[in-house]
Amino acid sequence: MRIISRKALRQFWERHPDSQSALARWFKIIEHAHPRNFNELRAIFPSADQVGAWIVFNIGGNKYRLVASVHFNRGRVYIRHVMTHQEYSQENWK
């Protein structure tokens, strides 16, 4: 899948350096994956949840959250938000 944009990941791990390895691992896995629907994505990322139109990934043992719009038909993942679990819980990203 094509990820748009990796810049969001870099900006986040510059503020939270301990997230870099987990985000890089997520990027590598999703980049080489070709799920055709949410069920196939859940087979790859069992903790992924669908929240409205968004898909929320738990990153780094649930320490971080990545919110993305996944277009299975186009093979693209649009990263919308990368945040700490605490920031996610405040629900200001919706």
PDB file of N, CA and C in Angstrom:
ATOM      1  N   MET A   1       0.844  -1.173   0.000  1.00  0.00           N
ATOM      2  CA  MET A   1       0.000   0.000   0.000  1.00  0.00           C
ATOM      3  C   MET A   1       0.893   1.241   0.000  1.00  0.00           C
ATOM      4  N   ARG A   2       0.377   2.270  -0.564  1.00  0.00           N
ATOM      5  CA  ARG A   2       1.110   3.534  -0.587  1.00  0.00           C
ATOM      6  C   ARG A   2       0.650   4.380   0.605  1.00  0.00           C
ATOM      7  N   ILE A   3       1.612   4.868   1.390  1.00  0.00           N
ATOM      8  CA  ILE A   3       1.318   5.634   2.586  1.00  0.00           C
ATOM      9  C   ILE A   3       1.513   7.116   2.310  1.00  0.00           C
ATOM     10  N   ILE A   4       0.496   7.896   2.640  1.00  0.00           N
ATOM     11  CA  ILE A   4       0.536   9.339   2.455  1.00  0.00           C
ATOM     12  C   ILE A   4       0.183   9.960   3.797  1.00  0.00           C
ATOM     13  N   SER A   5       0.997  10.560   4.487  1.00  0.00           N
ATOM     14  CA  SER A   5       2.364  10.905   4.219  1.00  0.00           C
ATOM     15  C   SER A   5       3.249  10.445   5.361  1.00  0.00           C
ATOM     16  N   ARG A   6       4.418   9.995   5.020  1.00  0.00           N
ATOM     17  CA  ARG A   6       5.374   9.518   6.026  1.00  0.00           C
ATOM     18  C   ARG A   6       5.872  10.671   6.888  1.00  0.00           C
ATOM     19  N   LYS A   7       5.746  11.881   6.376  1.00  0.00           N
ATOM     20  CA  LYS A   7       6.180  13.072   7.105  1.00  0.00           C
ATOM     21  C   LYS A   7       5.501  13.161   8.478  1.00  0.00           C
ATOM     22  N   ALA A   8       4.247  12.792   8.566  1.00  0.00           N
ATOM     23  CA  ALA A   8       3.526  12.820   9.839  1.00  0.00           C
ATOM     24  C   ALA A   8       4.178  11.887  10.857  1.00  0.00           C
ATOM     25  N   LEU A   9       4.654  10.745  10.388  1.00  0.00           N
ATOM     26  CA  LEU A   9       5.343   9.813  11.284  1.00  0.00           C
ATOM     27  C   LEU A   9       6.640  10.415  11.795  1.00  0.00           C
ATOM     28  N   ARG A  10       7.419  10.984  10.867  1.00  0.00           N
ATOM     29  CA  ARG A  10       8.701  11.588  11.256  1.00  0.00           C
ATOM     30  C   ARG A  10       8.502  12.726  12.250  1.00  0.00           C
ATOM     31  N   GLN A  11       7.534  13.567  11.994  1.00  0.00           N
ATOM     32  CA  GLN A  11       7.282  14.690  12.899  1.00  0.00           C
ATOM     33  C   GLN A  11       6.895  14.193  14.288  1.00  0.00           C
ATOM     34  N   PHE A  12       6.124  13.115  14.350  1.00  0.00           N
ATOM     35  CA  PHE A  12       5.718  12.579  15.638  1.00  0.00           C
ATOM     36  C   PHE A  12       6.901  11.975  16.384  1.00  0.00           C
ATOM     37  N   TRP A  13       7.718  11.171  15.697  1.00  0.00           N
ATOM     38  CA  TRP A  13       8.813  10.532  16.421  1.00  0.00           C
ATOM     39  C   TRP A  13       9.924  11.518  16.758  1.00  0.00           C
ATOM     40  N   GLU A  14       9.955  12.678  16.140  1.00  0.00           N
ATOM     41  CA  GLU A  14      10.890  13.724  16.583  1.00  0.00           C
ATOM     42  C   GLU A  14      10.464  14.258  17.952  1.00  0.00           C
ATOM     43  N   ARG A  15       9.157  14.330  18.203  1.00  0.00           N
ATOM     44  CA  ARG A  15       8.645  14.772  19.502  1.00  0.00           C
ATOM     45  C   ARG A  15       8.634  13.632  20.525  1.00  0.00           C
ATOM     46  N   HIS A  16       8.487  12.404  20.040  1.00  0.00           N
ATOM     47  CA  HIS A  16       8.420  11.213  20.905  1.00  0.00           C
ATOM     48  C   HIS A  16       9.389  10.160  20.352  1.00  0.00           C
ATOM     49  N   PRO A  17      10.700  10.334  20.637  1.00  0.00           N
ATOM     50  CA  PRO A  17      11.715   9.451  20.039  1.00  0.00           C
ATOM     51  C   PRO A  17      11.507   7.963  20.306  1.00  0.00           C
ATOM     52  N   ASP A  18      10.881   7.611  21.431  1.00  0.00           N
ATOM     53  CA  ASP A  18      10.680   6.192  21.727  1.00  0.00           C
ATOM     54  C   ASP A  18       9.637   5.542  20.819  1.00  0.00           C
ATOM     55  N   SER A  19       8.912   6.334  20.035  1.00  0.00           N
ATOM     56  CA  SER A  19       7.910   5.788  19.116  1.00  0.00           C
ATOM     57  C   SER A  19       8.495   5.422  17.753  1.00  0.00           C
ATOM     58  N   GLN A  20       9.716   5.820  17.485  1.00  0.00           N
ATOM     59  CA  GLN A  20      10.278   5.653  16.145  1.00  0.00           C
ATOM     60  C   GLN A  20      10.316   4.202  15.680  1.00  0.00           C
ATOM     61  N   SER A  21      10.788   3.299  16.490  1.00  0.00           N
ATOM     62  CA  SER A  21      10.910   1.909  16.037  1.00  0.00           C
ATOM     63  C   SER A  21       9.532   1.289  15.789  1.00  0.00           C
ATOM     64  N   ALA A  22       8.560   1.574  16.649  1.00  0.00           N
ATOM     65  CA  ALA A  22       7.218   1.021  16.472  1.00  0.00           C
ATOM     66  C   ALA A  22       6.555   1.596  15.223  1.00  0.00           C
ATOM     67  N   LEU A  23       6.699   2.895  14.991  1.00  0.00           N
ATOM     68  CA  LEU A  23       6.106   3.508  13.801  1.00  0.00           C
ATOM     69  C   LEU A  23       6.791   3.023  12.524  1.00  0.00           C
ATOM     70  N   ALA A  24       8.102   2.861  12.581  1.00  0.00           N
ATOM     71  CA  ALA A  24       8.834   2.357  11.410  1.00  0.00           C
ATOM     72  C   ALA A  24       8.412   0.919  11.101  1.00  0.00           C
ATOM     73  N   ARG A  25       8.173   0.120  12.134  1.00  0.00           N
ATOM     74  CA  ARG A  25       7.724  -1.260  11.945  1.00  0.00           C
ATOM     75  C   ARG A  25       6.317  -1.269  11.330  1.00  0.00           C
ATOM     76  N   TRP A  26       5.409  -0.416  11.835  1.00  0.00           N
ATOM     77  CA  TRP A  26       4.062  -0.319  11.261  1.00  0.00           C
ATOM     78  C   TRP A  26       4.150   0.080   9.787  1.00  0.00           C
ATOM     79  N   PHE A  27       4.991   1.066   9.484  1.00  0.00           N
ATOM     80  CA  PHE A  27       5.141   1.548   8.113  1.00  0.00           C
ATOM     81  C   PHE A  27       5.605   0.425   7.189  1.00  0.00           C
ATOM     82  N   LYS A  28       6.597  -0.317   7.627  1.00  0.00           N
ATOM     83  CA  LYS A  28       7.145  -1.392   6.792  1.00  0.00           C
ATOM     84  C   LYS A  28       6.101  -2.480   6.539  1.00  0.00           C
ATOM     85  N   ILE A  29       5.326  -2.820   7.555  1.00  0.00           N
ATOM     86  CA  ILE A  29       4.311  -3.858   7.407  1.00  0.00           C
ATOM     87  C   ILE A  29       3.201  -3.395   6.467  1.00  0.00           C
ATOM     88  N   ILE A  30       2.673  -2.195   6.686  1.00  0.00           N
ATOM     89  CA  ILE A  30       1.555  -1.715   5.872  1.00  0.00           C
ATOM     90  C   ILE A  30       1.990  -1.432   4.441  1.00  0.00           C
ATOM     91  N   GLU A  31       3.224  -1.008   4.267  1.00  0.00           N
ATOM     92  CA  GLU A  31       3.733  -0.708   2.934  1.00  0.00           C
ATOM     93  C   GLU A  31       3.736  -1.957   2.045  1.00  0.00           C
ATOM     94  N   HIS A  32       4.028  -3.111   2.637  1.00  0.00           N
ATOM     95  CA  HIS A  32       4.120  -4.353   1.867  1.00  0.00           C
ATOM     96  C   HIS A  32       2.830  -5.171   1.898  1.00  0.00           C
ATOM     97  N   ALA A  33       1.836  -4.673   2.607  1.00  0.00           N
ATOM     98  CA  ALA A  33       0.560  -5.390   2.698  1.00  0.00           C
ATOM     99  C   ALA A  33      -0.363  -4.973   1.556  1.00  0.00           C
ATOM    100  N   HIS A  34      -1.272  -5.848   1.218  1.00  0.00           N
ATOM    101  CA  HIS A  34      -2.244  -5.559   0.162  1.00  0.00           C
ATOM    102  C   HIS A  34      -3.635  -6.033   0.579  1.00  0.00           C
ATOM    103  N   PRO A  35      -4.119  -5.557   1.740  1.00  0.00           N
ATOM    104  CA  PRO A  35      -5.456  -5.988   2.155  1.00  0.00           C
ATOM    105  C   PRO A  35      -6.519  -5.410   1.232  1.00  0.00           C
ATOM    106  N   ARG A  36      -7.540  -6.207   0.967  1.00  0.00           N
ATOM    107  CA  ARG A  36      -8.619  -5.760   0.077  1.00  0.00           C
ATOM    108  C   ARG A  36      -9.806  -5.208   0.848  1.00  0.00           C
ATOM    109  N   ASN A  37      -9.808  -5.433   2.179  1.00  0.00           N
ATOM    110  CA  ASN A  37     -10.911  -4.942   2.995  1.00  0.00           C
ATOM    111  C   ASN A  37     -10.469  -4.890   4.456  1.00  0.00           C
ATOM    112  N   PHE A  38     -11.355  -4.406   5.312  1.00  0.00           N
ATOM    113  CA  PHE A  38     -11.007  -4.249   6.721  1.00  0.00           C
ATOM    114  C   PHE A  38     -10.705  -5.583   7.394  1.00  0.00           C
ATOM    115  N   ASN A  39     -11.434  -6.634   7.045  1.00  0.00           N
ATOM    116  CA  ASN A  39     -11.181  -7.944   7.651  1.00  0.00           C
ATOM    117  C   ASN A  39      -9.778  -8.448   7.347  1.00  0.00           C
ATOM    118  N   GLU A  40      -9.313  -8.241   6.133  1.00  0.00           N
ATOM    119  CA  GLU A  40      -7.948  -8.647   5.779  1.00  0.00           C
ATOM    120  C   GLU A  40      -6.930  -7.771   6.507  1.00  0.00           C
ATOM    121  N   LEU A  41      -7.256  -6.505   6.702  1.00  0.00           N
ATOM    122  CA  LEU A  41      -6.366  -5.621   7.461  1.00  0.00           C
ATOM    123  C   LEU A  41      -6.281  -6.066   8.914  1.00  0.00           C
ATOM    124  N   ARG A  42      -7.412  -6.479   9.477  1.00  0.00           N
ATOM    125  CA  ARG A  42      -7.428  -6.971  10.862  1.00  0.00           C
ATOM    126  C   ARG A  42      -6.620  -8.254  11.025  1.00  0.00           C
ATOM    127  N   ALA A  43      -6.504  -9.031   9.966  1.00  0.00           N
ATOM    128  CA  ALA A  43      -5.668 -10.233  10.026  1.00  0.00           C
ATOM    129  C   ALA A  43      -4.204  -9.847  10.193  1.00  0.00           C
ATOM    130  N   ILE A  44      -3.823  -8.698   9.645  1.00  0.00           N
ATOM    131  CA  ILE A  44      -2.446  -8.208   9.741  1.00  0.00           C
ATOM    132  C   ILE A  44      -2.247  -7.424  11.040  1.00  0.00           C
ATOM    133  N   PHE A  45      -3.218  -6.585  11.381  1.00  0.00           N
ATOM    134  CA  PHE A  45      -3.185  -5.743  12.588  1.00  0.00           C
ATOM    135  C   PHE A  45      -4.426  -6.063  13.430  1.00  0.00           C
ATOM    136  N   PRO A  46      -4.366  -7.090  14.263  1.00  0.00           N
ATOM    137  CA  PRO A  46      -5.548  -7.517  15.024  1.00  0.00           C
ATOM    138  C   PRO A  46      -6.130  -6.450  15.950  1.00  0.00           C
ATOM    139  N   SER A  47      -5.328  -5.488  16.357  1.00  0.00           N
ATOM    140  CA  SER A  47      -5.835  -4.463  17.274  1.00  0.00           C
ATOM    141  C   SER A  47      -6.403  -3.244  16.545  1.00  0.00           C
ATOM    142  N   ALA A  48      -6.415  -3.261  15.227  1.00  0.00           N
ATOM    143  CA  ALA A  48      -6.972  -2.136  14.464  1.00  0.00           C
ATOM    144  C   ALA A  48      -8.479  -2.074  14.682  1.00  0.00           C
ATOM    145  N   ASP A  49      -8.978  -0.847  14.814  1.00  0.00           N
ATOM    146  CA  ASP A  49     -10.410  -0.638  15.014  1.00  0.00           C
ATOM    147  C   ASP A  49     -10.931   0.335  13.982  1.00  0.00           C
ATOM    148  N   GLN A  50     -12.173   0.144  13.606  1.00  0.00           N
ATOM    149  CA  GLN A  50     -12.816   1.082  12.693  1.00  0.00           C
ATOM    150  C   GLN A  50     -13.669   2.018  13.538  1.00  0.00           C
ATOM    151  N   VAL A  51     -13.371   3.322  13.447  1.00  0.00           N
ATOM    152  CA  VAL A  51     -14.097   4.345  14.187  1.00  0.00           C
ATOM    153  C   VAL A  51     -14.672   5.305  13.156  1.00  0.00           C
ATOM    154  N   GLY A  52     -15.911   5.109  12.822  1.00  0.00           N
ATOM    155  CA  GLY A  52     -16.516   5.889  11.745  1.00  0.00           C
ATOM    156  C   GLY A  52     -15.815   5.564  10.436  1.00  0.00           C
ATOM    157  N   ALA A  53     -15.364   6.602   9.762  1.00  0.00           N
ATOM    158  CA  ALA A  53     -14.663   6.419   8.484  1.00  0.00           C
ATOM    159  C   ALA A  53     -13.174   6.158   8.676  1.00  0.00           C
ATOM    160  N   TRP A  54     -12.707   6.222   9.895  1.00  0.00           N
ATOM    161  CA  TRP A  54     -11.276   6.097  10.184  1.00  0.00           C
ATOM    162  C   TRP A  54     -10.931   4.693  10.653  1.00  0.00           C
ATOM    163  N   ILE A  55      -9.659   4.353  10.473  1.00  0.00           N
ATOM    164  CA  ILE A  55      -9.123   3.128  11.065  1.00  0.00           C
ATOM    165  C   ILE A  55      -8.053   3.558  12.054  1.00  0.00           C
ATOM    166  N   VAL A  56      -8.166   3.048  13.273  1.00  0.00           N
ATOM    167  CA  VAL A  56      -7.262   3.414  14.356  1.00  0.00           C
ATOM    168  C   VAL A  56      -6.356   2.226  14.647  1.00  0.00           C
ATOM    169  N   PHE A  57      -5.051   2.476  14.581  1.00  0.00           N
ATOM    170  CA  PHE A  57      -4.043   1.456  14.855  1.00  0.00           C
ATOM    171  C   PHE A  57      -3.416   1.723  16.212  1.00  0.00           C
ATOM    172  N   ASN A  58      -3.285   0.674  17.023  1.00  0.00           N
ATOM    173  CA  ASN A  58      -2.529   0.769  18.271  1.00  0.00           C
ATOM    174  C   ASN A  58      -1.066   0.577  17.926  1.00  0.00           C
ATOM    175  N   ILE A  59      -0.242   1.500  18.366  1.00  0.00           N
ATOM    176  CA  ILE A  59       1.187   1.473  18.050  1.00  0.00           C
ATOM    177  C   ILE A  59       1.979   1.408  19.355  1.00  0.00           C
ATOM    178  N   GLY A  60       3.023   0.629  19.346  1.00  0.00           N
ATOM    179  CA  GLY A  60       3.918   0.573  20.506  1.00  0.00           C
ATOM    180  C   GLY A  60       3.248   0.025  21.752  1.00  0.00           C
ATOM    181  N   GLY A  61       2.518  -1.064  21.605  1.00  0.00           N
ATOM    182  CA  GLY A  61       1.877  -1.671  22.768  1.00  0.00           C
ATOM    183  C   GLY A  61       0.789  -0.802  23.356  1.00  0.00           C
ATOM    184  N   ASN A  62       0.040  -0.134  22.494  1.00  0.00           N
ATOM    185  CA  ASN A  62      -1.084   0.718  22.872  1.00  0.00           C
ATOM    186  C   ASN A  62      -0.645   2.046  23.501  1.00  0.00           C
ATOM    187  N   LYS A  63       0.616   2.373  23.377  1.00  0.00           N
ATOM    188  CA  LYS A  63       1.117   3.639  23.917  1.00  0.00           C
ATOM    189  C   LYS A  63       0.766   4.799  22.990  1.00  0.00           C
ATOM    190  N   TYR A  64       0.668   4.506  21.702  1.00  0.00           N
ATOM    191  CA  TYR A  64       0.375   5.523  20.688  1.00  0.00           C
ATOM    192  C   TYR A  64      -0.776   5.061  19.812  1.00  0.00           C
ATOM    193  N   ARG A  65      -1.407   6.021  19.149  1.00  0.00           N
ATOM    194  CA  ARG A  65      -2.493   5.721  18.218  1.00  0.00           C
ATOM    195  C   ARG A  65      -2.211   6.401  16.883  1.00  0.00           C
ATOM    196  N   LEU A  66      -2.504   5.700  15.827  1.00  0.00           N
ATOM    197  CA  LEU A  66      -2.372   6.231  14.482  1.00  0.00           C
ATOM    198  C   LEU A  66      -3.756   6.144  13.841  1.00  0.00           C
ATOM    199  N   VAL A  67      -4.271   7.293  13.417  1.00  0.00           N
ATOM    200  CA  VAL A  67      -5.584   7.353  12.791  1.00  0.00           C
ATOM    201  C   VAL A  67      -5.371   7.568  11.300  1.00  0.00           C
ATOM    202  N   ALA A  68      -5.982   6.715  10.502  1.00  0.00           N
ATOM    203  CA  ALA A  68      -5.768   6.775   9.053  1.00  0.00           C
ATOM    204  C   ALA A  68      -7.071   6.540   8.302  1.00  0.00           C
ATOM    205  N   SER A  69      -7.073   7.041   7.102  1.00  0.00           N
ATOM    206  CA  SER A  69      -8.135   6.744   6.154  1.00  0.00           C
ATOM    207  C   SER A  69      -7.538   5.748   5.164  1.00  0.00           C
ATOM    208  N   VAL A  70      -8.111   4.569   5.106  1.00  0.00           N
ATOM    209  CA  VAL A  70      -7.565   3.515   4.252  1.00  0.00           C
ATOM    210  C   VAL A  70      -8.499   3.328   3.058  1.00  0.00           C
ATOM    211  N   HIS A  71      -7.941   3.492   1.878  1.00  0.00           N
ATOM    212  CA  HIS A  71      -8.691   3.298   0.637  1.00  0.00           C
ATOM    213  C   HIS A  71      -8.217   1.980   0.020  1.00  0.00           C
ATOM    214  N   PHE A  72      -8.922   0.908   0.336  1.00  0.00           N
ATOM    215  CA  PHE A  72      -8.528  -0.420  -0.110  1.00  0.00           C
ATOM    216  C   PHE A  72      -8.526  -0.521  -1.627  1.00  0.00           C
ATOM    217  N   ASN A  73      -9.502   0.108  -2.268  1.00  0.00           N
ATOM    218  CA  ASN A  73      -9.617   0.009  -3.724  1.00  0.00           C
ATOM    219  C   ASN A  73      -8.469   0.708  -4.446  1.00  0.00           C
ATOM    220  N   ARG A  74      -7.875   1.694  -3.835  1.00  0.00           N
ATOM    221  CA  ARG A  74      -6.752   2.419  -4.443  1.00  0.00           C
ATOM    222  C   ARG A  74      -5.401   1.980  -3.905  1.00  0.00           C
ATOM    223  N   GLY A  75      -5.411   1.215  -2.837  1.00  0.00           N
ATOM    224  CA  GLY A  75      -4.157   0.776  -2.229  1.00  0.00           C
ATOM    225  C   GLY A  75      -3.419   1.917  -1.545  1.00  0.00           C
ATOM    226  N   ARG A  76      -4.178   2.803  -0.881  1.00  0.00           N
ATOM    227  CA  ARG A  76      -3.565   3.967  -0.232  1.00  0.00           C
ATOM    228  C   ARG A  76      -4.014   4.095   1.217  1.00  0.00           C
ATOM    229  N   VAL A  77      -3.090   4.582   2.022  1.00  0.00           N
ATOM    230  CA  VAL A  77      -3.344   4.866   3.421  1.00  0.00           C
ATOM    231  C   VAL A  77      -2.997   6.334   3.646  1.00  0.00           C
ATOM    232  N   TYR A  78      -3.981   7.103   4.064  1.00  0.00           N
ATOM    233  CA  TYR A  78      -3.779   8.519   4.353  1.00  0.00           C
ATOM    234  C   TYR A  78      -3.689   8.685   5.862  1.00  0.00           C
ATOM    235  N   ILE A  79      -2.513   9.036   6.353  1.00  0.00           N
ATOM    236  CA  ILE A  79      -2.327   9.231   7.787  1.00  0.00           C
ATOM    237  C   ILE A  79      -2.938  10.573   8.163  1.00  0.00           C
ATOM    238  N   ARG A  80      -3.880  10.533   9.090  1.00  0.00           N
ATOM    239  CA  ARG A  80      -4.565  11.754   9.527  1.00  0.00           C
ATOM    240  C   ARG A  80      -4.012  12.277  10.848  1.00  0.00           C
ATOM    241  N   HIS A  81      -3.764  11.373  11.789  1.00  0.00           N
ATOM    242  CA  HIS A  81      -3.269  11.781  13.104  1.00  0.00           C
ATOM    243  C   HIS A  81      -2.361  10.696  13.665  1.00  0.00           C
ATOM    244  N   VAL A  82      -1.322  11.130  14.338  1.00  0.00           N
ATOM    245  CA  VAL A  82      -0.494  10.237  15.149  1.00  0.00           C
ATOM    246  C   VAL A  82      -0.440  10.910  16.505  1.00  0.00           C
ATOM    247  N   MET A  83      -0.804  10.182  17.553  1.00  0.00           N
ATOM    248  CA  MET A  83      -0.903  10.807  18.870  1.00  0.00           C
ATOM    249  C   MET A  83      -0.630   9.805  19.979  1.00  0.00           C
ATOM    250  N   THR A  84      -0.427  10.333  21.155  1.00  0.00           N
ATOM    251  CA  THR A  84      -0.274   9.468  22.320  1.00  0.00           C
ATOM    252  C   THR A  84      -1.655   8.915  22.677  1.00  0.00           C
ATOM    253  N   HIS A  85      -1.663   7.891  23.488  1.00  0.00           N
ATOM    254  CA  HIS A  85      -2.943   7.309  23.924  1.00  0.00           C
ATOM    255  C   HIS A  85      -3.760   8.355  24.683  1.00  0.00           C
ATOM    256  N   GLN A  86      -3.093   9.159  25.477  1.00  0.00           N
ATOM    257  CA  GLN A  86      -3.774  10.201  26.253  1.00  0.00           C
ATOM    258  C   GLN A  86      -4.428  11.231  25.331  1.00  0.00           C
ATOM    259  N   GLU A  87      -3.706  11.665  24.301  1.00  0.00           N
ATOM    260  CA  GLU A  87      -4.272  12.613  23.334  1.00  0.00           C
ATOM    261  C   GLU A  87      -5.475  12.010  22.621  1.00  0.00           C
ATOM    262  N   TYR A  88      -5.383  10.739  22.281  1.00  0.00           N
ATOM    263  CA  TYR A  88      -6.471  10.042  21.600  1.00  0.00           C
ATOM    264  C   TYR A  88      -7.708   9.994  22.496  1.00  0.00           C
ATOM    265  N   SER A  89      -7.505   9.737  23.775  1.00  0.00           N
ATOM    266  CA  SER A  89      -8.617   9.615  24.703  1.00  0.00           C
ATOM    267  C   SER A  89      -9.389  10.928  24.883  1.00  0.00           C
ATOM    268  N   GLN A  90      -8.749  12.040  24.629  1.00  0.00           N
ATOM    269  CA  GLN A  90      -9.419  13.344  24.752  1.00  0.00           C
ATOM    270  C   GLN A  90     -10.392  13.576  23.592  1.00  0.00           C
ATOM    271  N   GLU A  91     -10.282  12.805  22.543  1.00  0.00           N
ATOM    272  CA  GLU A  91     -11.174  12.824  21.389  1.00  0.00           C
ATOM    273  C   GLU A  91     -11.223  14.157  20.642  1.00  0.00           C
ATOM    274  N   ASN A  92     -10.184  14.972  20.733  1.00  0.00           N
ATOM    275  CA  ASN A  92     -10.129  16.221  19.986  1.00  0.00           C
ATOM    276  C   ASN A  92      -9.820  15.991  18.510  1.00  0.00           C
ATOM    277  N   TRP A  93      -9.441  14.794  18.140  1.00  0.00           N
ATOM    278  CA  TRP A  93      -9.053  14.487  16.758  1.00  0.00           C
ATOM    279  C   TRP A  93     -10.252  14.208  15.869  1.00  0.00           C
ATOM    280  N   LYS A  94     -11.412  13.961  16.465  1.00  0.00           N
ATOM    281  CA  LYS A  94     -12.588  13.578  15.669  1.00  0.00           C
ATOM    282  C   LYS A  94     -13.131  14.741  14.875  1.00  0.00           C
TER     283      LYS A  94
END
